[in-house]
Amino acid sequence: MADNYIAQLPFGAPKIDDEAFVAPTAVVVGAVTMGPRASIWYGAVARADHETIEIGEGSNVQDGCTLHSDPGFPLVVGRNVTVG
């Protein structure tokens, strides 16, 4: 099975809680924060190359979703939210 891709960008580095889950084939790059029990599933992308992305406690980003933030507009996914 393919590995996930977690990488730092010039804007920032991911901060992934020990209880969070990043599926194989998921991509988490840049200033992304994942809280406890947050998850990002197969083929999903969280790309924070210009502004922060926060995925709150217990939230999940379902298969194939893409999260991106523009300069001046951080993206916040609250607690216990399903995206997808």
Protein backbone atom coordinates (compact mmCIF):
# COMPACT_ATOMS: atom_id res chain seq x y z
CA MET A 1 0.00 0.00 0.00
CA ALA A 2 1.20 3.53 -0.75
CA ASP A 3 2.55 5.73 2.01
CA ASN A 4 1.01 9.00 3.11
CA TYR A 5 2.88 12.22 2.37
CA ILE A 6 3.55 14.62 5.23
CA ALA A 7 5.85 17.55 4.48
CA GLN A 8 7.01 20.94 5.65
CA LEU A 9 6.69 23.92 3.31
CA PRO A 10 8.32 27.35 3.64
CA PHE A 11 5.07 28.66 5.23
CA GLY A 12 5.05 26.02 7.97
CA ALA A 13 5.12 22.39 9.05
CA PRO A 14 2.31 19.98 9.99
CA LYS A 15 1.52 19.51 13.68
CA ILE A 16 -0.25 16.18 14.02
CA ASP A 17 -1.50 15.01 17.41
CA ASP A 18 -0.35 11.55 18.49
CA GLU A 19 -4.00 10.40 18.51
CA ALA A 20 -4.71 11.68 14.97
CA PHE A 21 -4.80 9.39 11.92
CA VAL A 22 -3.38 10.07 8.46
CA ALA A 23 -4.37 7.34 5.99
CA PRO A 24 -2.02 5.85 3.43
CA THR A 25 -2.27 7.97 0.23
CA ALA A 26 -3.38 11.08 2.19
CA VAL A 27 -1.34 14.28 1.84
CA VAL A 28 -0.74 16.75 4.69
CA VAL A 29 1.62 19.61 3.79
CA GLY A 30 2.43 22.98 5.28
CA ALA A 31 0.91 24.66 8.32
CA VAL A 32 -1.75 22.02 9.07
CA THR A 33 -2.71 21.27 12.67
CA MET A 34 -4.62 18.07 13.46
CA GLY A 35 -6.15 17.69 16.91
CA PRO A 36 -6.70 14.54 18.97
CA ARG A 37 -8.66 11.83 17.12
CA ALA A 38 -8.78 13.95 13.95
CA SER A 39 -8.37 11.96 10.74
CA ILE A 40 -7.69 12.47 7.07
CA TRP A 41 -8.60 9.56 4.81
CA TYR A 42 -7.47 7.95 1.55
CA GLY A 43 -6.58 10.33 -1.25
CA ALA A 44 -7.50 13.43 0.76
CA VAL A 45 -5.26 16.50 0.71
CA ALA A 46 -4.71 19.26 3.29
CA ARG A 47 -2.40 21.86 1.73
CA ALA A 48 -1.58 24.90 3.86
CA ASP A 49 1.02 26.69 1.78
CA HIS A 50 -0.19 30.29 2.27
CA GLU A 51 -2.35 30.21 5.44
CA THR A 52 -3.06 27.79 8.28
CA ILE A 53 -5.47 24.86 8.29
CA GLU A 54 -6.78 23.50 11.59
CA ILE A 55 -8.63 20.18 11.77
CA GLY A 56 -10.31 20.05 15.16
CA GLU A 57 -10.56 17.27 17.70
CA GLY A 58 -12.56 14.28 16.48
CA SER A 59 -13.08 15.71 12.98
CA ASN A 60 -12.49 13.74 9.81
CA VAL A 61 -11.70 14.62 6.22
CA GLN A 62 -13.17 11.88 4.05
CA ASP A 63 -11.68 10.13 1.02
CA GLY A 64 -10.68 12.37 -1.89
CA CYS A 65 -11.45 15.74 -0.25
CA THR A 66 -9.13 18.71 -0.72
CA LEU A 67 -8.58 21.42 1.90
CA HIS A 68 -6.72 24.59 0.94
CA SER A 69 -6.42 28.07 2.43
CA ASP A 70 -5.70 31.40 0.76
CA PRO A 71 -3.57 34.24 2.18
CA GLY A 72 -5.53 36.06 4.87
CA PHE A 73 -8.18 33.33 5.05
CA PRO A 74 -7.21 30.50 7.43
CA LEU A 75 -9.34 27.37 7.30
CA VAL A 76 -10.76 26.03 10.56
CA VAL A 77 -12.65 22.74 10.72
CA GLY A 78 -14.26 22.68 14.16
CA ARG A 79 -14.60 19.78 16.59
CA ASN A 80 -16.41 16.57 15.57
CA VAL A 81 -17.01 17.68 11.96
CA THR A 82 -17.17 15.42 8.90
CA VAL A 83 -15.88 16.92 5.64
CA GLY A 84 -16.97 15.01 2.56
